[in-house]
Amino acid sequence: MSSIKISDLLKKDLVDRLMDGRLSVDQVFTEAQQTQMVAAYSNQKKQPNAFEKRVSKAEVEKKAQKATISQSQEKHRSR
């Protein structure tokens, strides 16, 4: 096996062990590394998931609908 394949397998094994609880984050990473990862995660731009996208789209549509309703009501009042 090439060294790249072995490295990839070791990384996968590490992630698998972290995910199923055989290893803890404290066993793998130093406190400084943990702090750095948390800071990087909190500073990254959050990408909205599908539900958040639908909710924000619905809010925009609701505001637009209210605006058109209020405009049509104003037209009827001015007549």
Protein backbone atom coordinates (compact mmCIF):
# COMPACT_ATOMS: atom_id res chain seq x y z
CA MET A 1 0.00 0.00 0.00
CA SER A 2 1.13 3.50 -0.64
CA SER A 3 1.79 5.83 2.26
CA ILE A 4 -1.14 8.02 1.20
CA LYS A 5 -3.60 5.12 1.42
CA ILE A 6 -2.23 4.12 4.83
CA SER A 7 -2.50 7.71 6.04
CA ASP A 8 -6.10 7.93 4.82
CA LEU A 9 -6.96 4.65 6.56
CA LEU A 10 -5.40 5.87 9.80
CA LYS A 11 -7.37 9.13 9.64
CA LYS A 12 -10.59 7.21 8.96
CA ASP A 13 -9.86 4.88 11.88
CA LEU A 14 -9.22 7.86 14.15
CA VAL A 15 -12.48 9.53 13.15
CA ASP A 16 -14.39 6.26 13.57
CA ARG A 17 -12.95 5.78 17.06
CA LEU A 18 -13.81 9.37 18.03
CA MET A 19 -17.36 9.05 16.70
CA ASP A 20 -18.17 5.77 18.44
CA GLY A 21 -16.64 6.83 21.74
CA ARG A 22 -13.62 4.55 21.88
CA LEU A 23 -11.43 7.66 21.97
CA SER A 24 -12.17 11.00 23.57
CA VAL A 25 -11.21 14.36 22.13
CA ASP A 26 -8.99 14.90 25.18
CA GLN A 27 -6.99 11.77 24.33
CA VAL A 28 -6.31 12.90 20.77
CA PHE A 29 -5.97 16.70 20.82
CA THR A 30 -4.20 19.06 23.19
CA GLU A 31 -6.18 21.78 24.92
CA ALA A 32 -4.62 24.40 22.61
CA GLN A 33 -5.67 22.42 19.54
CA GLN A 34 -9.20 22.05 20.91
CA THR A 35 -9.42 25.78 21.57
CA GLN A 36 -8.17 26.51 18.07
CA MET A 37 -10.72 24.15 16.49
CA VAL A 38 -13.59 25.62 18.52
CA ALA A 39 -12.54 29.15 17.55
CA ALA A 40 -12.27 28.19 13.88
CA TYR A 41 -15.72 26.57 14.01
CA SER A 42 -17.36 29.53 15.72
CA ASN A 43 -15.73 32.03 13.35
CA GLN A 44 -16.73 30.26 10.14
CA LYS A 45 -19.66 31.55 8.16
CA LYS A 46 -22.61 29.34 8.97
CA GLN A 47 -24.30 27.84 5.95
CA PRO A 48 -28.06 27.60 6.45
CA ASN A 49 -29.53 24.13 6.20
CA ALA A 50 -32.55 23.30 4.03
CA PHE A 51 -35.05 23.97 6.81
CA GLU A 52 -33.54 27.38 7.61
CA LYS A 53 -33.60 28.26 3.91
CA ARG A 54 -37.30 27.38 3.66
CA VAL A 55 -38.12 29.37 6.80
CA SER A 56 -36.28 32.47 5.58
CA LYS A 57 -37.87 32.15 2.12
CA ALA A 58 -41.31 31.87 3.73
CA GLU A 59 -40.62 34.98 5.84
CA VAL A 60 -39.61 36.96 2.76
CA GLU A 61 -42.72 35.80 0.89
CA LYS A 62 -44.93 36.64 3.87
CA LYS A 63 -43.47 40.17 4.06
CA ALA A 64 -43.95 40.64 0.33
CA GLN A 65 -47.53 39.42 0.59
CA LYS A 66 -48.24 41.82 3.47
CA ALA A 67 -46.73 44.67 1.47
CA THR A 68 -48.93 43.98 -1.56
CA ILE A 69 -52.01 43.66 0.66
CA SER A 70 -51.30 46.96 2.38
CA GLN A 71 -50.66 48.65 -0.97
CA SER A 72 -53.95 47.39 -2.37
CA GLN A 73 -55.77 48.54 0.78
CA GLU A 74 -54.24 52.01 0.42
CA LYS A 75 -55.40 52.18 -3.20
CA HIS A 76 -58.96 51.31 -2.16
CA ARG A 77 -58.91 53.92 0.62
CA SER A 78 -57.67 56.65 -1.70
CA ARG A 79 -60.52 56.06 -4.17
